[in-house]
């Protein structure tokens, strides 16, 4: 998680928002005993970490893993359209 040490903060990030959004953020920041900027930073970092985590890791049940594993262990499926494309020479192959 991102550090709270002010000495390490060196980047600035500007954004515009509506008055209603600002009021909402101010109220939430007050409830969390932080500044609006601190609140926005904390929430943005947490949201970004969640998005990246979702793209890097996924969890399967035992049943789901069995289905995936079965497809890996079975014979390869020949896809006719893919075979056609793979048999055509690429631009860089033509000389």
Protein backbone atom coordinates (compact mmCIF):
# COMPACT_ATOMS: atom_id res chain seq x y z
CA UNK A 1 0.00 0.00 0.00
CA UNK A 2 1.18 3.54 -0.63
CA UNK A 3 3.08 5.26 2.11
CA UNK A 4 1.70 8.21 4.06
CA UNK A 5 5.15 9.83 4.46
CA UNK A 6 4.83 13.39 3.08
CA UNK A 7 8.55 13.54 2.28
CA UNK A 8 8.10 10.86 -0.40
CA UNK A 9 5.30 12.65 -2.25
CA UNK A 10 6.73 14.36 -5.31
CA UNK A 11 4.06 14.09 -7.99
CA UNK A 12 1.10 16.40 -8.48
CA UNK A 13 -2.20 15.24 -9.97
CA UNK A 14 -4.85 17.86 -10.82
CA UNK A 15 -8.48 17.07 -11.42
CA UNK A 16 -11.72 18.94 -11.83
CA UNK A 17 -15.00 18.02 -10.21
CA UNK A 18 -18.47 19.34 -9.68
CA UNK A 19 -19.42 21.21 -6.53
CA UNK A 20 -21.59 18.25 -5.50
CA UNK A 21 -18.66 15.83 -5.91
CA UNK A 22 -16.44 18.16 -3.86
CA UNK A 23 -19.01 18.36 -1.07
CA UNK A 24 -19.30 14.58 -1.03
CA UNK A 25 -15.52 14.12 -0.84
CA UNK A 26 -15.18 16.78 1.86
CA UNK A 27 -17.85 15.05 3.97
CA UNK A 28 -16.24 11.62 3.54
CA UNK A 29 -12.78 12.98 4.30
CA UNK A 30 -14.07 14.59 7.48
CA UNK A 31 -15.57 11.27 8.60
CA UNK A 32 -12.21 9.58 7.95
CA UNK A 33 -10.32 12.36 9.79
CA UNK A 34 -8.20 13.21 6.78
CA UNK A 35 -7.94 15.99 4.22
CA UNK A 36 -9.90 15.84 0.98
CA UNK A 37 -6.62 15.39 -0.88
CA UNK A 38 -5.56 12.57 1.43
CA UNK A 39 -8.96 10.94 1.07
CA UNK A 40 -8.86 11.13 -2.73
CA UNK A 41 -5.30 9.75 -2.82
CA UNK A 42 -6.08 6.88 -0.45
CA UNK A 43 -9.25 5.89 -2.30
CA UNK A 44 -7.67 6.23 -5.75
CA UNK A 45 -4.67 4.10 -4.77
CA UNK A 46 -6.91 1.43 -3.23
CA UNK A 47 -9.12 1.38 -6.33
CA UNK A 48 -6.09 1.19 -8.65
CA UNK A 49 -4.60 -1.68 -6.64
CA UNK A 50 -7.92 -3.55 -6.81
CA UNK A 51 -8.15 -3.12 -10.59
CA UNK A 52 -4.58 -4.29 -11.12
CA UNK A 53 -5.03 -7.18 -8.69
CA UNK A 54 -8.12 -8.31 -10.61
CA UNK A 55 -6.06 -8.36 -13.81
CA UNK A 56 -3.17 -10.30 -12.32
CA UNK A 57 -4.84 -12.91 -10.14
CA UNK A 58 -8.06 -14.83 -10.26
CA UNK A 59 -9.45 -17.49 -7.98
CA UNK A 60 -11.20 -20.67 -9.10
CA UNK A 61 -13.22 -23.17 -7.16
CA UNK A 62 -12.05 -26.78 -7.24
CA UNK A 63 -14.77 -27.53 -9.78
CA UNK A 64 -13.76 -24.63 -12.02
CA UNK A 65 -10.09 -25.65 -11.82
CA UNK A 66 -11.00 -29.23 -12.80
CA UNK A 67 -12.71 -27.91 -15.93
CA UNK A 68 -9.71 -25.73 -16.83
CA UNK A 69 -7.24 -28.51 -16.11
CA UNK A 70 -9.26 -30.96 -18.21
CA UNK A 71 -9.02 -28.63 -21.19
CA UNK A 72 -5.24 -28.36 -20.72
CA UNK A 73 -4.76 -32.10 -20.51
CA UNK A 74 -7.00 -33.00 -23.44
CA UNK A 75 -5.99 -33.04 -27.08
CA UNK A 76 -5.63 -29.74 -28.87
CA UNK A 77 -8.71 -28.62 -30.74
CA UNK A 78 -8.07 -27.81 -34.39
CA UNK A 79 -9.71 -24.52 -35.34
CA UNK A 80 -10.12 -24.44 -39.13
CA UNK A 81 -10.07 -20.66 -39.46
CA UNK A 82 -6.96 -20.39 -37.30
CA UNK A 83 -5.24 -23.13 -39.32
CA UNK A 84 -5.96 -21.18 -42.54
CA UNK A 85 -4.55 -17.98 -41.09
CA UNK A 86 -1.46 -19.72 -39.74
CA UNK A 87 -0.73 -21.34 -43.11
CA UNK A 88 -0.71 -17.99 -44.94
CA UNK A 89 2.71 -16.36 -45.21
CA UNK A 90 3.28 -13.19 -43.19
CA UNK A 91 4.46 -9.93 -44.75
CA UNK A 92 7.92 -10.36 -43.27
CA UNK A 93 8.17 -13.91 -44.67
CA UNK A 94 7.89 -12.64 -48.23
CA UNK A 95 11.18 -11.41 -49.52
